Amino acid sequence: LLEPSRYKGAWGGRGSGKSHAFAEMMIEAHILDQSESSV
């Protein structure tokens, strides 16, 4: 998921860490580019 893609998705069960991984990806993206805008 660290490589550029138009669509990125993760599906599966509880306790997988999906949300935590995507949250970290979003924070990292905003650190690398301080003009980044996300919703």
Full PDB file with SEQRES, HELIX, SHEET, SSBOND, CRYST1, ORIGX, SCALE, CONECT and MASTER records, all heavy atoms in Angstrom:
SEQRES   1 A   39  LEU LEU GLU PRO SER ARG TYR LYS GLY ALA TRP GLY GLY          
SEQRES   2 A   39  ARG GLY SER GLY LYS SER HIS ALA PHE ALA GLU MET MET          
SEQRES   3 A   39  ILE GLU ALA HIS ILE LEU ASP GLN SER GLU SER SER VAL          
HELIX    1 AA1 LYS A   18  LEU A   32  1                                  15    
CRYST1    1.000    1.000    1.000  90.00  90.00  90.00 P 1           1          
ORIGX1      1.000000  0.000000  0.000000        0.00000                         
ORIGX2      0.000000  1.000000  0.000000        0.00000                         
ORIGX3      0.000000  0.000000  1.000000        0.00000                         
SCALE1      1.000000  0.000000  0.000000        0.00000                         
SCALE2      0.000000  1.000000  0.000000        0.00000                         
SCALE3      0.000000  0.000000  1.000000        0.00000                         
ATOM      1  N   LEU A   1       0.807  -1.214   0.000  1.00  0.00           N  
ATOM      2  CA  LEU A   1       0.000   0.000   0.000  1.00  0.00           C  
ATOM      3  C   LEU A   1       0.844   1.271   0.000  1.00  0.00           C  
ATOM      4  O   LEU A   1       0.315   2.369  -0.202  1.00  0.00           O  
ATOM      5  CB  LEU A   1      -0.935   0.011   1.215  1.00  0.00           C  
ATOM      6  CG  LEU A   1      -1.974  -1.119   1.279  1.00  0.00           C  
ATOM      7  CD1 LEU A   1      -2.709  -1.078   2.608  1.00  0.00           C  
ATOM      8  CD2 LEU A   1      -2.960  -1.029   0.119  1.00  0.00           C  
ATOM      9  N   LEU A   2       2.132   1.135   0.225  1.00  0.00           N  
ATOM     10  CA  LEU A   2       3.002   2.307   0.260  1.00  0.00           C  
ATOM     11  C   LEU A   2       3.298   2.842  -1.144  1.00  0.00           C  
ATOM     12  O   LEU A   2       3.751   3.970  -1.291  1.00  0.00           O  
ATOM     13  CB  LEU A   2       4.311   1.966   0.985  1.00  0.00           C  
ATOM     14  CG  LEU A   2       4.157   1.507   2.446  1.00  0.00           C  
ATOM     15  CD1 LEU A   2       5.523   1.198   3.046  1.00  0.00           C  
ATOM     16  CD2 LEU A   2       3.426   2.546   3.285  1.00  0.00           C  
ATOM     17  N   GLU A   3       3.035   2.018  -2.160  1.00  0.00           N  
ATOM     18  CA  GLU A   3       3.228   2.460  -3.544  1.00  0.00           C  
ATOM     19  C   GLU A   3       1.983   3.214  -4.020  1.00  0.00           C  
ATOM     20  O   GLU A   3       0.871   2.916  -3.596  1.00  0.00           O  
ATOM     21  CB  GLU A   3       3.480   1.262  -4.452  1.00  0.00           C  
ATOM     22  CG  GLU A   3       4.751   0.497  -4.132  1.00  0.00           C  
ATOM     23  CD  GLU A   3       5.996   1.343  -4.318  1.00  0.00           C  
ATOM     24  OE1 GLU A   3       6.007   2.179  -5.260  1.00  0.00           O  
ATOM     25  OE2 GLU A   3       6.952   1.187  -3.547  1.00  0.00           O  
ATOM     26  N   PRO A   4       2.146   4.205  -4.915  1.00  0.00           N  
ATOM     27  CA  PRO A   4       0.986   4.979  -5.391  1.00  0.00           C  
ATOM     28  C   PRO A   4      -0.037   4.096  -6.116  1.00  0.00           C  
ATOM     29  O   PRO A   4       0.331   3.257  -6.927  1.00  0.00           O  
ATOM     30  CB  PRO A   4       1.616   5.997  -6.350  1.00  0.00           C  
ATOM     31  CG  PRO A   4       3.057   6.063  -5.963  1.00  0.00           C  
ATOM     32  CD  PRO A   4       3.417   4.698  -5.475  1.00  0.00           C  
ATOM     33  N   SER A   5      -1.299   4.286  -5.803  1.00  0.00           N  
ATOM     34  CA  SER A   5      -2.410   3.624  -6.493  1.00  0.00           C  
ATOM     35  C   SER A   5      -3.632   4.520  -6.385  1.00  0.00           C  
ATOM     36  O   SER A   5      -3.835   5.171  -5.356  1.00  0.00           O  
ATOM     37  CB  SER A   5      -2.727   2.259  -5.876  1.00  0.00           C  
ATOM     38  OG  SER A   5      -1.682   1.343  -6.081  1.00  0.00           O  
ATOM     39  N   ARG A   6      -4.440   4.524  -7.408  1.00  0.00           N  
ATOM     40  CA  ARG A   6      -5.683   5.307  -7.362  1.00  0.00           C  
ATOM     41  C   ARG A   6      -6.613   4.758  -6.280  1.00  0.00           C  
ATOM     42  O   ARG A   6      -7.199   5.515  -5.513  1.00  0.00           O  
ATOM     43  CB  ARG A   6      -6.361   5.251  -8.730  1.00  0.00           C  
ATOM     44  CG  ARG A   6      -7.802   5.755  -8.771  1.00  0.00           C  
ATOM     45  CD  ARG A   6      -7.929   7.225  -8.428  1.00  0.00           C  
ATOM     46  NE  ARG A   6      -9.301   7.691  -8.591  1.00  0.00           N  
ATOM     47  CZ  ARG A   6      -9.748   8.873  -8.189  1.00  0.00           C  
ATOM     48  NH1 ARG A   6      -8.924   9.722  -7.579  1.00  0.00           N  
ATOM     49  NH2 ARG A   6     -10.995   9.224  -8.391  1.00  0.00           N  
ATOM     50  N   TYR A   7      -6.740   3.431  -6.209  1.00  0.00           N  
ATOM     51  CA  TYR A   7      -7.583   2.802  -5.201  1.00  0.00           C  
ATOM     52  C   TYR A   7      -6.714   1.953  -4.282  1.00  0.00           C  
ATOM     53  O   TYR A   7      -5.920   1.129  -4.748  1.00  0.00           O  
ATOM     54  CB  TYR A   7      -8.631   1.899  -5.852  1.00  0.00           C  
ATOM     55  CG  TYR A   7      -9.655   2.627  -6.682  1.00  0.00           C  
ATOM     56  CD1 TYR A   7      -9.445   2.861  -8.037  1.00  0.00           C  
ATOM     57  CD2 TYR A   7     -10.848   3.076  -6.117  1.00  0.00           C  
ATOM     58  CE1 TYR A   7     -10.378   3.533  -8.805  1.00  0.00           C  
ATOM     59  CE2 TYR A   7     -11.795   3.744  -6.883  1.00  0.00           C  
ATOM     60  CZ  TYR A   7     -11.552   3.977  -8.224  1.00  0.00           C  
ATOM     61  OH  TYR A   7     -12.493   4.634  -8.975  1.00  0.00           O  
ATOM     62  N   LYS A   8      -6.886   2.144  -2.985  1.00  0.00           N  
ATOM     63  CA  LYS A   8      -6.222   1.303  -1.993  1.00  0.00           C  
ATOM     64  C   LYS A   8      -7.287   0.789  -1.025  1.00  0.00           C  
ATOM     65  O   LYS A   8      -8.113   1.570  -0.548  1.00  0.00           O  
ATOM     66  CB  LYS A   8      -5.154   2.086  -1.227  1.00  0.00           C  
ATOM     67  CG  LYS A   8      -3.975   2.525  -2.082  1.00  0.00           C  
ATOM     68  CD  LYS A   8      -2.955   3.309  -1.275  1.00  0.00           C  
ATOM     69  CE  LYS A   8      -1.776   3.738  -2.149  1.00  0.00           C  
ATOM     70  NZ  LYS A   8      -0.779   4.536  -1.391  1.00  0.00           N  
ATOM     71  N   GLY A   9      -7.247  -0.509  -0.775  1.00  0.00           N  
ATOM     72  CA  GLY A   9      -8.259  -1.075   0.098  1.00  0.00           C  
ATOM     73  C   GLY A   9      -7.711  -2.206   0.932  1.00  0.00           C  
ATOM     74  O   GLY A   9      -6.782  -2.909   0.538  1.00  0.00           O  
ATOM     75  N   ALA A  10      -8.293  -2.386   2.101  1.00  0.00           N  
ATOM     76  CA  ALA A  10      -7.979  -3.523   2.962  1.00  0.00           C  
ATOM     77  C   ALA A  10      -9.284  -4.006   3.579  1.00  0.00           C  
ATOM     78  O   ALA A  10     -10.021  -3.216   4.178  1.00  0.00           O  
ATOM     79  CB  ALA A  10      -6.975  -3.138   4.041  1.00  0.00           C  
ATOM     80  N   TRP A  11      -9.562  -5.287   3.410  1.00  0.00           N  
ATOM     81  CA  TRP A  11     -10.784  -5.861   3.957  1.00  0.00           C  
ATOM     82  C   TRP A  11     -10.436  -7.095   4.788  1.00  0.00           C  
ATOM     83  O   TRP A  11      -9.438  -7.768   4.559  1.00  0.00           O  
ATOM     84  CB  TRP A  11     -11.766  -6.238   2.843  1.00  0.00           C  
ATOM     85  CG  TRP A  11     -11.250  -7.270   1.883  1.00  0.00           C  
ATOM     86  CD1 TRP A  11     -10.516  -7.043   0.750  1.00  0.00           C  
ATOM     87  CD2 TRP A  11     -11.420  -8.686   1.969  1.00  0.00           C  
ATOM     88  NE1 TRP A  11     -10.226  -8.230   0.126  1.00  0.00           N  
ATOM     89  CE2 TRP A  11     -10.773  -9.261   0.850  1.00  0.00           C  
ATOM     90  CE3 TRP A  11     -12.060  -9.533   2.873  1.00  0.00           C  
ATOM     91  CZ2 TRP A  11     -10.739 -10.639   0.627  1.00  0.00           C  
ATOM     92  CZ3 TRP A  11     -12.042 -10.903   2.656  1.00  0.00           C  
ATOM     93  CH2 TRP A  11     -11.391 -11.435   1.543  1.00  0.00           C  
ATOM     94  N   GLY A  12     -11.276  -7.358   5.759  1.00  0.00           N  
ATOM     95  CA  GLY A  12     -11.030  -8.516   6.615  1.00  0.00           C  
ATOM     96  C   GLY A  12     -11.727  -8.353   7.949  1.00  0.00           C  
ATOM     97  O   GLY A  12     -12.621  -7.523   8.115  1.00  0.00           O  
ATOM     98  N   GLY A  13     -11.303  -9.150   8.912  1.00  0.00           N  
ATOM     99  CA  GLY A  13     -11.977  -9.205  10.199  1.00  0.00           C  
ATOM    100  C   GLY A  13     -11.419  -8.245  11.229  1.00  0.00           C  
ATOM    101  O   GLY A  13     -10.473  -7.492  10.988  1.00  0.00           O  
ATOM    102  N   ARG A  14     -12.025  -8.325  12.394  1.00  0.00           N  
ATOM    103  CA  ARG A  14     -11.645  -7.466  13.515  1.00  0.00           C  
ATOM    104  C   ARG A  14     -10.243  -7.824  14.010  1.00  0.00           C  
ATOM    105  O   ARG A  14      -9.807  -8.959  13.941  1.00  0.00           O  
ATOM    106  CB  ARG A  14     -12.657  -7.658  14.649  1.00  0.00           C  
ATOM    107  CG  ARG A  14     -12.413  -6.802  15.872  1.00  0.00           C  
ATOM    108  CD  ARG A  14     -13.431  -7.114  16.954  1.00  0.00           C  
ATOM    109  NE  ARG A  14     -14.793  -6.819  16.507  1.00  0.00           N  
ATOM    110  CZ  ARG A  14     -15.887  -7.192  17.180  1.00  0.00           C  
ATOM    111  NH1 ARG A  14     -15.768  -7.910  18.287  1.00  0.00           N  
ATOM    112  NH2 ARG A  14     -17.079  -6.870  16.727  1.00  0.00           N  
ATOM    113  N   GLY A  15      -9.543  -6.813  14.527  1.00  0.00           N  
ATOM    114  CA  GLY A  15      -8.235  -7.047  15.122  1.00  0.00           C  
ATOM    115  C   GLY A  15      -7.101  -7.158  14.129  1.00  0.00           C  
ATOM    116  O   GLY A  15      -5.977  -7.493  14.500  1.00  0.00           O  
ATOM    117  N   SER A  16      -7.368  -6.857  12.860  1.00  0.00           N  
ATOM    118  CA  SER A  16      -6.329  -6.989  11.837  1.00  0.00           C  
ATOM    119  C   SER A  16      -5.361  -5.817  11.830  1.00  0.00           C  
ATOM    120  O   SER A  16      -4.256  -5.930  11.304  1.00  0.00           O  
ATOM    121  CB  SER A  16      -6.979  -7.110  10.461  1.00  0.00           C  
ATOM    122  OG  SER A  16      -7.738  -5.942  10.161  1.00  0.00           O  
ATOM    123  N   GLY A  17      -5.783  -4.688  12.376  1.00  0.00           N  
ATOM    124  CA  GLY A  17      -4.939  -3.491  12.337  1.00  0.00           C  
ATOM    125  C   GLY A  17      -5.118  -2.665  11.077  1.00  0.00           C  
ATOM    126  O   GLY A  17      -4.284  -1.787  10.795  1.00  0.00           O  
ATOM    127  N   LYS A  18      -6.206  -2.910  10.328  1.00  0.00           N  
ATOM    128  CA  LYS A  18      -6.438  -2.161   9.083  1.00  0.00           C  
ATOM    129  C   LYS A  18      -6.484  -0.662   9.340  1.00  0.00           C  
ATOM    130  O   LYS A  18      -5.790   0.125   8.680  1.00  0.00           O  
ATOM    131  CB  LYS A  18      -7.768  -2.594   8.437  1.00  0.00           C  
ATOM    132  CG  LYS A  18      -7.870  -4.038   8.053  1.00  0.00           C  
ATOM    133  CD  LYS A  18      -9.172  -4.326   7.318  1.00  0.00           C  
ATOM    134  CE  LYS A  18     -10.412  -4.098   8.170  1.00  0.00           C  
ATOM    135  NZ  LYS A  18     -10.522  -5.039   9.306  1.00  0.00           N  
ATOM    136  N   SER A  19      -7.339  -0.257  10.266  1.00  0.00           N  
ATOM    137  CA  SER A  19      -7.525   1.170  10.521  1.00  0.00           C  
ATOM    138  C   SER A  19      -6.243   1.819  11.027  1.00  0.00           C  
ATOM    139  O   SER A  19      -5.907   2.945  10.642  1.00  0.00           O  
ATOM    140  CB  SER A  19      -8.655   1.375  11.533  1.00  0.00           C  
ATOM    141  OG  SER A  19      -9.882   0.874  11.033  1.00  0.00           O  
ATOM    142  N   HIS A  20      -5.510   1.108  11.880  1.00  0.00           N  
ATOM    143  CA  HIS A  20      -4.260   1.660  12.410  1.00  0.00           C  
ATOM    144  C   HIS A  20      -3.242   1.865  11.285  1.00  0.00           C  
ATOM    145  O   HIS A  20      -2.551   2.892  11.247  1.00  0.00           O  
ATOM    146  CB  HIS A  20      -3.701   0.723  13.477  1.00  0.00           C  
ATOM    147  CG  HIS A  20      -4.440   0.785  14.776  1.00  0.00           C  
ATOM    148  ND1 HIS A  20      -4.011   1.545  15.844  1.00  0.00           N  
ATOM    149  CD2 HIS A  20      -5.609   0.211  15.169  1.00  0.00           C  
ATOM    150  CE1 HIS A  20      -4.867   1.425  16.850  1.00  0.00           C  
ATOM    151  NE2 HIS A  20      -5.850   0.617  16.463  1.00  0.00           N  
ATOM    152  N   ALA A  21      -3.151   0.897  10.370  1.00  0.00           N  
ATOM    153  CA  ALA A  21      -2.187   1.016   9.270  1.00  0.00           C  
ATOM    154  C   ALA A  21      -2.537   2.195   8.364  1.00  0.00           C  
ATOM    155  O   ALA A  21      -1.652   2.969   7.960  1.00  0.00           O  
ATOM    156  CB  ALA A  21      -2.150  -0.285   8.468  1.00  0.00           C  
ATOM    157  N   PHE A  22      -3.821   2.352   8.037  1.00  0.00           N  
ATOM    158  CA  PHE A  22      -4.215   3.456   7.158  1.00  0.00           C  
ATOM    159  C   PHE A  22      -4.072   4.803   7.863  1.00  0.00           C  
ATOM    160  O   PHE A  22      -3.725   5.808   7.225  1.00  0.00           O  
ATOM    161  CB  PHE A  22      -5.649   3.249   6.664  1.00  0.00           C  
ATOM    162  CG  PHE A  22      -5.736   2.402   5.429  1.00  0.00           C  
ATOM    163  CD1 PHE A  22      -5.540   1.034   5.499  1.00  0.00           C  
ATOM    164  CD2 PHE A  22      -5.976   2.969   4.192  1.00  0.00           C  
ATOM    165  CE1 PHE A  22      -5.606   0.235   4.364  1.00  0.00           C  
ATOM    166  CE2 PHE A  22      -6.042   2.189   3.035  1.00  0.00           C  
ATOM    167  CZ  PHE A  22      -5.855   0.813   3.130  1.00  0.00           C  
ATOM    168  N   ALA A  23      -4.327   4.837   9.167  1.00  0.00           N  
ATOM    169  CA  ALA A  23      -4.129   6.078   9.915  1.00  0.00           C  
ATOM    170  C   ALA A  23      -2.660   6.492   9.892  1.00  0.00           C  
ATOM    171  O   ALA A  23      -2.334   7.672   9.712  1.00  0.00           O  
ATOM    172  CB  ALA A  23      -4.622   5.903  11.353  1.00  0.00           C  
ATOM    173  N   GLU A  24      -1.769   5.531  10.068  1.00  0.00           N  
ATOM    174  CA  GLU A  24      -0.335   5.831  10.019  1.00  0.00           C  
ATOM    175  C   GLU A  24       0.088   6.288   8.619  1.00  0.00           C  
ATOM    176  O   GLU A  24       0.915   7.197   8.474  1.00  0.00           O  
ATOM    177  CB  GLU A  24       0.454   4.591  10.446  1.00  0.00           C  
ATOM    178  CG  GLU A  24       0.316   4.298  11.937  1.00  0.00           C  
ATOM    179  CD  GLU A  24       0.886   2.945  12.319  1.00  0.00           C  
ATOM    180  OE1 GLU A  24       1.381   2.227  11.418  1.00  0.00           O  
ATOM    181  OE2 GLU A  24       0.829   2.601  13.515  1.00  0.00           O  
ATOM    182  N   MET A  25      -0.493   5.657   7.582  1.00  0.00           N  
ATOM    183  CA  MET A  25      -0.194   6.083   6.209  1.00  0.00           C  
ATOM    184  C   MET A  25      -0.623   7.525   5.971  1.00  0.00           C  
ATOM    185  O   MET A  25       0.089   8.302   5.321  1.00  0.00           O  
ATOM    186  CB  MET A  25      -0.898   5.155   5.216  1.00  0.00           C  
ATOM    187  CG  MET A  25      -0.260   3.779   5.073  1.00  0.00           C  
ATOM    188  SD  MET A  25      -1.350   2.582   4.224  1.00  0.00           S  
ATOM    189  CE  MET A  25      -1.850   3.530   2.786  1.00  0.00           C  
ATOM    190  N   MET A  26      -1.773   7.893   6.530  1.00  0.00           N  
ATOM    191  CA  MET A  26      -2.268   9.253   6.330  1.00  0.00           C  
ATOM    192  C   MET A  26      -1.385  10.272   7.059  1.00  0.00           C  
ATOM    193  O   MET A  26      -1.025  11.320   6.494  1.00  0.00           O  
ATOM    194  CB  MET A  26      -3.719   9.367   6.807  1.00  0.00           C  
ATOM    195  CG  MET A  26      -4.316  10.762   6.623  1.00  0.00           C  
ATOM    196  SD  MET A  26      -6.112  10.783   6.695  1.00  0.00           S  
ATOM    197  CE  MET A  26      -6.518  10.103   5.066  1.00  0.00           C  
ATOM    198  N   ILE A  27      -1.014   9.969   8.288  1.00  0.00           N  
ATOM    199  CA  ILE A  27      -0.138  10.877   9.035  1.00  0.00           C  
ATOM    200  C   ILE A  27       1.209  11.017   8.339  1.00  0.00           C  
ATOM    201  O   ILE A  27       1.755  12.124   8.198  1.00  0.00           O  
ATOM    202  CB  ILE A  27       0.041  10.384  10.479  1.00  0.00           C  
ATOM    203  CG1 ILE A  27      -1.297  10.424  11.231  1.00  0.00           C  
ATOM    204  CG2 ILE A  27       1.086  11.224  11.207  1.00  0.00           C  
ATOM    205  CD1 ILE A  27      -1.946  11.791  11.289  1.00  0.00           C  
ATOM    206  N   GLU A  28       1.752   9.914   7.859  1.00  0.00           N  
ATOM    207  CA  GLU A  28       3.037   9.959   7.153  1.00  0.00           C  
ATOM    208  C   GLU A  28       2.938  10.813   5.890  1.00  0.00           C  
ATOM    209  O   GLU A  28       3.838  11.618   5.591  1.00  0.00           O  
ATOM    210  CB  GLU A  28       3.477   8.542   6.790  1.00  0.00           C  
ATOM    211  CG  GLU A  28       4.816   8.485   6.080  1.00  0.00           C  
ATOM    212  CD  GLU A  28       5.252   7.071   5.736  1.00  0.00           C  
ATOM    213  OE1 GLU A  28       4.491   6.126   6.021  1.00  0.00           O  
ATOM    214  OE2 GLU A  28       6.351   6.924   5.171  1.00  0.00           O  
ATOM    215  N   ALA A  29       1.838  10.650   5.134  1.00  0.00           N  
ATOM    216  CA  ALA A  29       1.663  11.434   3.908  1.00  0.00           C  
ATOM    217  C   ALA A  29       1.614  12.929   4.203  1.00  0.00           C  
ATOM    218  O   ALA A  29       2.169  13.746   3.455  1.00  0.00           O  
ATOM    219  CB  ALA A  29       0.388  10.987   3.191  1.00  0.00           C  
ATOM    220  N   HIS A  30       0.976  13.309   5.315  1.00  0.00           N  
ATOM    221  CA  HIS A  30       0.864  14.728   5.670  1.00  0.00           C  
ATOM    222  C   HIS A  30       2.161  15.285   6.234  1.00  0.00           C  
ATOM    223  O   HIS A  30       2.394  16.495   6.170  1.00  0.00           O  
ATOM    224  CB  HIS A  30      -0.291  14.923   6.652  1.00  0.00           C  
ATOM    225  CG  HIS A  30      -1.634  14.947   5.980  1.00  0.00           C  
ATOM    226  ND1 HIS A  30      -2.343  16.112   5.771  1.00  0.00           N  
ATOM    227  CD2 HIS A  30      -2.381  13.953   5.449  1.00  0.00           C  
ATOM    228  CE1 HIS A  30      -3.475  15.832   5.161  1.00  0.00           C  
ATOM    229  NE2 HIS A  30      -3.523  14.524   4.940  1.00  0.00           N  
ATOM    230  N   ILE A  31       3.008  14.427   6.787  1.00  0.00           N  
ATOM    231  CA  ILE A  31       4.327  14.876   7.227  1.00  0.00           C  
ATOM    232  C   ILE A  31       5.220  15.141   6.008  1.00  0.00           C  
ATOM    233  O   ILE A  31       5.923  16.154   5.944  1.00  0.00           O  
ATOM    234  CB  ILE A  31       4.973  13.820   8.154  1.00  0.00           C  
ATOM    235  CG1 ILE A  31       4.217  13.756   9.486  1.00  0.00           C  
ATOM    236  CG2 ILE A  31       6.447  14.143   8.396  1.00  0.00           C  
ATOM    237  CD1 ILE A  31       4.668  12.616  10.376  1.00  0.00           C  
ATOM    238  N   LEU A  32       5.170  14.236   5.040  1.00  0.00           N  
ATOM    239  CA  LEU A  32       6.017  14.362   3.855  1.00  0.00           C  
ATOM    240  C   LEU A  32       5.591  15.523   2.968  1.00  0.00           C  
ATOM    241  O   LEU A  32       6.426  16.123   2.275  1.00  0.00           O  
ATOM    242  CB  LEU A  32       5.991  13.050   3.066  1.00  0.00           C  
ATOM    243  CG  LEU A  32       6.611  11.840   3.775  1.00  0.00           C  
ATOM    244  CD1 LEU A  32       6.394  10.578   2.954  1.00  0.00           C  
ATOM    245  CD2 LEU A  32       8.095  12.066   4.031  1.00  0.00           C  
ATOM    246  N   ASP A  33       4.290  15.832   2.970  1.00  0.00           N  
ATOM    247  CA  ASP A  33       3.783  16.942   2.156  1.00  0.00           C  
ATOM    248  C   ASP A  33       2.810  17.748   3.014  1.00  0.00           C  
ATOM    249  O   ASP A  33       1.662  17.363   3.194  1.00  0.00           O  
ATOM    250  CB  ASP A  33       3.084  16.409   0.902  1.00  0.00           C  
ATOM    251  CG  ASP A  33       2.612  17.528  -0.025  1.00  0.00           C  
ATOM    252  OD1 ASP A  33       2.739  18.716   0.351  1.00  0.00           O  
ATOM    253  OD2 ASP A  33       2.098  17.209  -1.115  1.00  0.00           O  
ATOM    254  N   GLN A  34       3.286  18.870   3.526  1.00  0.00           N  
ATOM    255  CA  GLN A  34       2.493  19.668   4.461  1.00  0.00           C  
ATOM    256  C   GLN A  34       1.351  20.430   3.776  1.00  0.00           C  
ATOM    257  O   GLN A  34       0.559  21.091   4.436  1.00  0.00           O  
ATOM    258  CB  GLN A  34       3.404  20.657   5.190  1.00  0.00           C  
ATOM    259  CG  GLN A  34       4.351  19.980   6.184  1.00  0.00           C  
ATOM    260  CD  GLN A  34       3.697  19.735   7.528  1.00  0.00           C  
ATOM    261  OE1 GLN A  34       3.462  20.665   8.299  1.00  0.00           O  
ATOM    262  NE2 GLN A  34       3.383  18.475   7.811  1.00  0.00           N  
ATOM    263  N   SER A  35       1.261  20.292   2.447  1.00  0.00           N  
ATOM    264  CA  SER A  35       0.126  20.890   1.736  1.00  0.00           C  
ATOM    265  C   SER A  35      -0.959  19.859   1.414  1.00  0.00           C  
ATOM    266  O   SER A  35      -1.978  20.189   0.800  1.00  0.00           O  
ATOM    267  CB  SER A  35       0.603  21.545   0.430  1.00  0.00           C  
ATOM    268  OG  SER A  35       1.119  20.567  -0.461  1.00  0.00           O  
ATOM    269  N   GLU A  36      -0.740  18.625   1.830  1.00  0.00           N  
ATOM    270  CA  GLU A  36      -1.687  17.536   1.567  1.00  0.00           C  
ATOM    271  C   GLU A  36      -3.035  17.814   2.230  1.00  0.00           C  
ATOM    272  O   GLU A  36      -3.101  18.254   3.388  1.00  0.00           O  
ATOM    273  CB  GLU A  36      -1.113  16.213   2.104  1.00  0.00           C  
ATOM    274  CG  GLU A  36      -1.978  15.002   1.883  1.00  0.00           C  
ATOM    275  CD  GLU A  36      -1.577  14.203   0.658  1.00  0.00           C  
ATOM    276  OE1 GLU A  36      -0.655  14.633  -0.064  1.00  0.00           O  
ATOM    277  OE2 GLU A  36      -2.184  13.147   0.431  1.00  0.00           O  
ATOM    278  N   SER A  37      -4.108  17.555   1.508  1.00  0.00           N  
ATOM    279  CA  SER A  37      -5.465  17.697   2.055  1.00  0.00           C  
ATOM    280  C   SER A  37      -6.189  16.364   1.933  1.00  0.00           C  
ATOM    281  O   SER A  37      -6.235  15.770   0.850  1.00  0.00           O  
ATOM    282  CB  SER A  37      -6.245  18.777   1.302  1.00  0.00           C  
ATOM    283  OG  SER A  37      -5.701  20.061   1.546  1.00  0.00           O  
ATOM    284  N   SER A  38      -6.756  15.901   3.048  1.00  0.00           N  
ATOM    285  CA  SER A  38      -7.444  14.609   3.072  1.00  0.00           C  
ATOM    286  C   SER A  38      -8.790  14.753   3.754  1.00  0.00           C  
ATOM    287  O   SER A  38      -8.979  15.612   4.633  1.00  0.00           O  
ATOM    288  CB  SER A  38      -6.612  13.556   3.820  1.00  0.00           C  
ATOM    289  OG  SER A  38      -5.369  13.344   3.187  1.00  0.00           O  
ATOM    290  N   VAL A  39      -9.723  13.899   3.353  1.00  0.00           N  
ATOM    291  CA  VAL A  39     -11.026  13.845   3.994  1.00  0.00           C  
ATOM    292  C   VAL A  39     -11.271  12.412   4.445  1.00  0.00           C  
ATOM    293  O   VAL A  39     -11.053  11.454   3.699  1.00  0.00           O  
ATOM    294  CB  VAL A  39     -12.155  14.326   3.051  1.00  0.00           C  
ATOM    295  CG1 VAL A  39     -12.179  13.545   1.751  1.00  0.00           C  
ATOM    296  CG2 VAL A  39     -13.514  14.231   3.753  1.00  0.00           C  
TER     297      VAL A  39                                                      
MASTER        0    0    0    1    0    0    0    6  296    1    0    3          
END                                                                             
